[in-house]
N, C-alpha and C. Protein backbone atom coordinates (compact mmCIF):
# COMPACT_ATOMS: atom_id res chain seq x y z
N UNK A 1 40.30 -11.99 -6.56
CA UNK A 1 39.18 -11.41 -7.32
C UNK A 1 39.86 -10.07 -7.97
N UNK A 2 39.90 -10.10 -9.33
CA UNK A 2 40.52 -9.03 -10.07
C UNK A 2 39.46 -7.98 -10.44
N UNK A 3 39.67 -6.88 -9.76
CA UNK A 3 38.71 -5.73 -9.84
C UNK A 3 38.64 -5.14 -11.21
N UNK A 4 39.86 -4.97 -11.86
CA UNK A 4 40.03 -4.50 -13.32
C UNK A 4 39.16 -5.37 -14.35
N UNK A 5 39.29 -6.72 -14.12
CA UNK A 5 38.63 -7.67 -15.01
C UNK A 5 37.21 -7.55 -14.78
N UNK A 6 36.70 -7.47 -13.47
CA UNK A 6 35.30 -7.21 -13.17
C UNK A 6 34.64 -5.87 -13.75
N UNK A 7 35.48 -4.82 -13.72
CA UNK A 7 35.00 -3.61 -14.25
C UNK A 7 34.83 -3.66 -15.83
N UNK A 8 35.97 -4.38 -16.48
CA UNK A 8 35.84 -4.59 -17.97
C UNK A 8 34.60 -5.46 -18.26
N UNK A 9 34.35 -6.36 -17.59
CA UNK A 9 33.15 -7.25 -17.92
C UNK A 9 31.87 -6.52 -17.60
N UNK A 10 31.86 -5.64 -16.65
CA UNK A 10 30.68 -4.88 -16.29
C UNK A 10 30.43 -3.76 -17.53
N UNK A 11 31.50 -3.24 -18.04
CA UNK A 11 31.30 -2.26 -19.10
C UNK A 11 30.82 -2.90 -20.32
N UNK A 12 31.36 -4.19 -20.58
CA UNK A 12 30.94 -4.88 -21.82
C UNK A 12 29.53 -5.32 -21.67
N UNK A 13 29.04 -5.73 -20.63
CA UNK A 13 27.82 -6.12 -20.30
C UNK A 13 26.80 -5.02 -20.38
N UNK A 14 27.13 -3.76 -19.91
CA UNK A 14 26.37 -2.55 -20.06
C UNK A 14 26.27 -2.19 -21.56
N UNK A 15 27.35 -2.25 -22.34
CA UNK A 15 27.19 -1.93 -23.70
C UNK A 15 26.14 -2.91 -24.43
N UNK A 16 26.36 -4.31 -24.14
CA UNK A 16 25.60 -5.20 -24.67
C UNK A 16 24.06 -5.07 -24.42
N UNK A 17 23.87 -4.62 -23.05
CA UNK A 17 22.44 -4.45 -22.65
C UNK A 17 21.80 -3.14 -23.44
N UNK A 18 22.64 -2.17 -23.55
CA UNK A 18 22.21 -0.99 -24.37
C UNK A 18 21.74 -1.50 -25.81
N UNK A 19 22.67 -2.25 -26.55
CA UNK A 19 22.34 -2.73 -27.80
C UNK A 19 21.18 -3.55 -27.88
N UNK A 20 20.96 -4.42 -26.86
CA UNK A 20 19.87 -5.34 -26.73
C UNK A 20 18.53 -4.60 -26.60
N UNK A 21 18.56 -3.65 -25.70
CA UNK A 21 17.45 -2.84 -25.53
C UNK A 21 17.02 -2.00 -26.84
N UNK A 22 18.00 -1.42 -27.61
CA UNK A 22 17.68 -0.78 -28.85
C UNK A 22 17.02 -1.67 -29.87
N UNK A 23 17.58 -3.02 -30.03
CA UNK A 23 17.08 -3.97 -30.86
C UNK A 23 15.77 -4.19 -30.50
N UNK A 24 15.47 -4.53 -29.03
CA UNK A 24 14.04 -4.92 -28.59
C UNK A 24 12.99 -3.90 -28.92
N UNK A 25 13.49 -2.57 -28.75
CA UNK A 25 12.60 -1.41 -28.89
C UNK A 25 12.06 -1.44 -30.40
N UNK A 26 12.93 -1.96 -31.27
CA UNK A 26 12.50 -2.04 -32.75
C UNK A 26 11.69 -3.08 -33.16
N UNK A 27 11.63 -4.11 -32.29
CA UNK A 27 10.76 -5.40 -32.64
C UNK A 27 9.29 -5.05 -32.35
N UNK A 28 8.46 -5.69 -32.96
CA UNK A 28 6.99 -5.57 -32.74
C UNK A 28 6.42 -6.88 -32.28
N UNK A 29 5.43 -6.80 -31.37
CA UNK A 29 4.81 -7.95 -30.76
C UNK A 29 3.27 -7.74 -30.94
N UNK A 30 2.52 -8.75 -31.63
CA UNK A 30 1.26 -8.76 -31.84
C UNK A 30 0.34 -9.65 -30.95
N UNK A 31 -0.67 -9.20 -30.53
CA UNK A 31 -1.62 -9.95 -29.83
C UNK A 31 -2.94 -9.98 -30.47
N UNK A 32 -3.54 -11.02 -30.74
CA UNK A 32 -4.95 -11.00 -31.37
C UNK A 32 -5.83 -11.57 -30.40
N UNK A 33 -6.93 -11.03 -29.91
CA UNK A 33 -8.01 -11.68 -29.01
C UNK A 33 -9.40 -11.54 -29.56
N UNK A 34 -10.22 -12.18 -28.87
CA UNK A 34 -11.65 -12.20 -29.30
C UNK A 34 -11.74 -12.88 -30.59
N UNK A 35 -11.06 -13.89 -30.73
CA UNK A 35 -11.13 -14.67 -32.10
C UNK A 35 -10.80 -13.68 -33.30
N UNK A 36 -9.67 -12.83 -33.04
CA UNK A 36 -9.10 -12.06 -34.06
C UNK A 36 -9.88 -10.77 -34.28
N UNK A 37 -10.83 -10.48 -33.37
CA UNK A 37 -11.68 -9.27 -33.43
C UNK A 37 -10.78 -8.03 -33.07
N UNK A 38 -9.95 -8.19 -32.23
CA UNK A 38 -9.16 -7.09 -31.67
C UNK A 38 -7.61 -7.50 -31.81
N UNK A 39 -6.77 -6.62 -32.56
CA UNK A 39 -5.40 -7.01 -32.68
C UNK A 39 -4.63 -5.74 -32.20
N UNK A 40 -3.66 -6.05 -31.37
CA UNK A 40 -2.85 -5.05 -30.80
C UNK A 40 -1.35 -5.26 -31.05
N UNK A 41 -0.71 -4.21 -31.55
CA UNK A 41 0.83 -4.32 -31.90
C UNK A 41 1.36 -3.44 -30.93
N UNK A 42 2.41 -3.97 -30.15
CA UNK A 42 3.24 -3.24 -29.20
C UNK A 42 4.82 -3.38 -29.51
N UNK A 43 5.72 -2.39 -29.29
CA UNK A 43 7.06 -2.53 -29.50
C UNK A 43 7.76 -3.14 -28.23
N UNK A 44 8.96 -3.44 -28.19
CA UNK A 44 9.61 -4.10 -27.22
C UNK A 44 9.94 -3.15 -26.08
N UNK A 45 9.72 -1.77 -26.35
CA UNK A 45 9.83 -0.80 -25.23
C UNK A 45 8.53 -0.58 -24.45
N UNK A 46 7.47 -1.34 -24.86
CA UNK A 46 6.30 -1.38 -24.13
C UNK A 46 5.30 -0.24 -24.67
N UNK A 47 5.60 0.29 -25.73
CA UNK A 47 4.74 1.15 -26.46
C UNK A 47 3.68 0.51 -27.43
N UNK A 48 2.41 0.95 -27.28
CA UNK A 48 1.38 0.33 -28.13
C UNK A 48 1.57 1.16 -29.55
N UNK A 49 1.78 0.30 -30.55
CA UNK A 49 2.04 0.89 -31.85
C UNK A 49 0.69 1.16 -32.57
N UNK A 50 -0.13 0.03 -32.53
CA UNK A 50 -1.51 0.16 -33.20
C UNK A 50 -2.53 -0.80 -32.74
N UNK A 51 -3.75 -0.57 -32.83
CA UNK A 51 -4.94 -1.28 -32.37
C UNK A 51 -5.74 -1.41 -33.41
N UNK A 52 -6.18 -2.60 -33.92
CA UNK A 52 -7.25 -2.78 -34.95
C UNK A 52 -8.41 -3.47 -34.38
N UNK A 53 -9.61 -2.88 -34.68
CA UNK A 53 -10.73 -3.43 -34.12
C UNK A 53 -11.74 -3.82 -35.29
N UNK A 54 -12.30 -5.03 -35.31
CA UNK A 54 -13.29 -5.45 -36.32
C UNK A 54 -14.52 -4.72 -36.09
N UNK A 55 -15.18 -4.06 -37.03
CA UNK A 55 -16.46 -3.41 -36.68
C UNK A 55 -17.48 -4.31 -36.21
N UNK A 56 -17.34 -5.65 -36.47
CA UNK A 56 -18.35 -6.52 -36.00
C UNK A 56 -18.44 -6.73 -34.52
N UNK A 57 -17.39 -6.41 -33.84
CA UNK A 57 -17.23 -6.55 -32.39
C UNK A 57 -17.82 -5.27 -31.72
N UNK A 58 -18.04 -4.20 -32.51
CA UNK A 58 -18.57 -2.86 -31.82
C UNK A 58 -20.07 -3.09 -31.57
N UNK A 59 -20.38 -3.06 -30.30
CA UNK A 59 -21.81 -3.34 -29.91
C UNK A 59 -21.90 -2.10 -28.76
N UNK A 60 -22.72 -1.00 -29.24
CA UNK A 60 -23.05 0.06 -28.36
C UNK A 60 -23.69 -0.41 -26.94
N UNK A 61 -24.33 -1.60 -27.03
CA UNK A 61 -25.06 -2.09 -25.75
C UNK A 61 -23.97 -2.90 -24.87
N UNK A 62 -22.77 -3.17 -25.39
CA UNK A 62 -21.88 -4.00 -24.72
C UNK A 62 -20.50 -3.34 -24.77
N UNK A 63 -20.29 -2.17 -24.36
CA UNK A 63 -19.02 -1.58 -24.48
C UNK A 63 -18.06 -2.26 -23.67
N UNK A 64 -18.46 -2.68 -22.41
CA UNK A 64 -17.52 -3.35 -21.52
C UNK A 64 -16.70 -4.54 -22.28
N UNK A 65 -17.48 -5.24 -23.18
CA UNK A 65 -16.77 -6.51 -23.78
C UNK A 65 -15.59 -5.89 -24.52
N UNK A 66 -15.84 -4.83 -25.31
CA UNK A 66 -14.82 -4.26 -26.18
C UNK A 66 -13.72 -3.84 -25.42
N UNK A 67 -14.02 -3.03 -24.31
CA UNK A 67 -12.95 -2.54 -23.41
C UNK A 67 -12.08 -3.66 -22.99
N UNK A 68 -12.76 -4.69 -22.40
CA UNK A 68 -12.05 -5.92 -21.96
C UNK A 68 -11.17 -6.56 -22.96
N UNK A 69 -11.55 -6.58 -24.26
CA UNK A 69 -10.79 -7.20 -25.28
C UNK A 69 -9.57 -6.20 -25.68
N UNK A 70 -9.83 -5.01 -25.74
CA UNK A 70 -8.62 -4.05 -25.89
C UNK A 70 -7.56 -4.16 -24.95
N UNK A 71 -8.08 -4.04 -23.61
CA UNK A 71 -7.15 -4.27 -22.45
C UNK A 71 -6.40 -5.58 -22.64
N UNK A 72 -7.12 -6.54 -22.71
CA UNK A 72 -6.37 -7.89 -22.74
C UNK A 72 -5.31 -7.90 -23.87
N UNK A 73 -5.71 -7.49 -25.06
CA UNK A 73 -4.84 -7.39 -26.19
C UNK A 73 -3.51 -6.47 -25.82
N UNK A 74 -3.80 -5.48 -25.25
CA UNK A 74 -2.65 -4.53 -24.93
C UNK A 74 -1.79 -5.22 -23.97
N UNK A 75 -2.33 -5.79 -22.82
CA UNK A 75 -1.45 -6.52 -21.82
C UNK A 75 -0.75 -7.70 -22.41
N UNK A 76 -1.24 -8.46 -23.34
CA UNK A 76 -0.66 -9.63 -23.77
C UNK A 76 0.48 -9.15 -24.89
N UNK A 77 0.35 -8.02 -25.62
CA UNK A 77 1.34 -7.71 -26.58
C UNK A 77 2.57 -7.12 -25.80
N UNK A 78 2.17 -6.24 -24.76
CA UNK A 78 3.38 -5.85 -23.84
C UNK A 78 4.12 -6.86 -23.17
N UNK A 79 3.37 -7.90 -22.64
CA UNK A 79 3.88 -8.96 -21.90
C UNK A 79 4.86 -9.81 -22.85
N UNK A 80 4.47 -10.00 -24.01
CA UNK A 80 5.43 -10.66 -24.99
C UNK A 80 6.66 -9.95 -25.13
N UNK A 81 6.64 -8.52 -25.26
CA UNK A 81 7.87 -7.75 -25.37
C UNK A 81 8.82 -7.92 -24.09
N UNK A 82 8.05 -7.85 -22.82
CA UNK A 82 8.76 -8.05 -21.75
C UNK A 82 9.41 -9.48 -21.57
N UNK A 83 8.77 -10.48 -22.11
CA UNK A 83 9.21 -12.00 -21.85
C UNK A 83 10.40 -12.15 -22.91
N UNK A 84 10.37 -11.46 -23.98
CA UNK A 84 11.51 -11.60 -24.86
C UNK A 84 12.76 -10.78 -24.29
N UNK A 85 12.52 -9.58 -23.53
CA UNK A 85 13.54 -8.83 -23.15
C UNK A 85 14.24 -9.55 -21.89
N UNK A 86 13.33 -10.36 -21.06
CA UNK A 86 13.92 -11.08 -19.98
C UNK A 86 14.71 -12.27 -20.41
N UNK A 87 14.22 -12.88 -21.63
CA UNK A 87 15.00 -14.09 -21.98
C UNK A 87 16.35 -13.58 -22.69
N UNK A 88 16.35 -12.38 -23.30
CA UNK A 88 17.52 -11.93 -23.94
C UNK A 88 18.61 -11.43 -22.66
N UNK A 89 17.94 -10.93 -21.68
CA UNK A 89 18.82 -10.44 -20.54
C UNK A 89 19.38 -11.77 -19.90
N UNK A 90 18.71 -12.73 -19.72
CA UNK A 90 19.25 -14.15 -19.17
C UNK A 90 20.38 -14.61 -19.99
N UNK A 91 20.20 -14.62 -21.29
CA UNK A 91 21.33 -14.98 -22.28
C UNK A 91 22.53 -14.17 -22.00
N UNK A 92 22.28 -12.86 -21.90
CA UNK A 92 23.32 -11.92 -21.70
C UNK A 92 24.05 -12.09 -20.30
N UNK A 93 23.57 -12.35 -19.27
CA UNK A 93 24.00 -12.51 -17.97
C UNK A 93 24.61 -13.83 -17.73
N UNK A 94 24.09 -14.87 -18.53
CA UNK A 94 24.61 -16.36 -18.20
C UNK A 94 26.00 -16.40 -18.32
N UNK A 95 26.64 -16.99 -17.45
CA UNK A 95 27.99 -17.16 -17.52
C UNK A 95 28.81 -16.02 -16.93
N UNK A 96 28.10 -15.08 -16.47
CA UNK A 96 28.87 -13.93 -15.82
C UNK A 96 29.31 -14.28 -14.35
N UNK A 97 28.65 -15.26 -13.85
CA UNK A 97 28.98 -15.77 -12.48
C UNK A 97 28.62 -14.69 -11.44
N UNK A 98 27.46 -13.95 -11.66
CA UNK A 98 26.90 -13.03 -10.57
C UNK A 98 26.45 -13.59 -9.47
N UNK A 99 26.81 -13.02 -8.27
CA UNK A 99 26.40 -13.42 -7.10
C UNK A 99 24.88 -13.62 -6.99
N UNK A 100 24.30 -14.36 -5.97
CA UNK A 100 22.91 -14.59 -5.73
C UNK A 100 22.33 -13.10 -5.51
N UNK A 101 21.11 -12.91 -6.11
CA UNK A 101 20.44 -11.59 -5.85
C UNK A 101 20.85 -10.48 -6.93
N UNK A 102 22.04 -10.70 -7.68
CA UNK A 102 22.51 -9.81 -8.74
C UNK A 102 22.03 -10.17 -10.15
N UNK A 103 21.43 -11.28 -10.33
CA UNK A 103 21.02 -11.72 -11.67
C UNK A 103 19.79 -10.89 -12.07
N UNK A 104 19.75 -10.67 -13.40
CA UNK A 104 18.73 -9.95 -13.93
C UNK A 104 17.54 -10.79 -14.42
């Protein structure tokens, strides 16, 4: 086992991870729920960028439905970003030969 080679690989992977995270933070993920009545956009860092609500879905007598739609849209948009981040991380660590339990 060559420690110097492993350290160099770890540094390269860390640099690539930082670049990947920066790229992912710039990407936007959109979720549309309720038949397009609520649209949420989040970035890859998990921050909600915008929420659009069709006025037709606003019913003062059924606020819970609107709350559920917004919450579902937010969860889906953030999950899309997380899924892409995990996929990119898997690509990055593939072939690194990491021991069991150390994969990302």
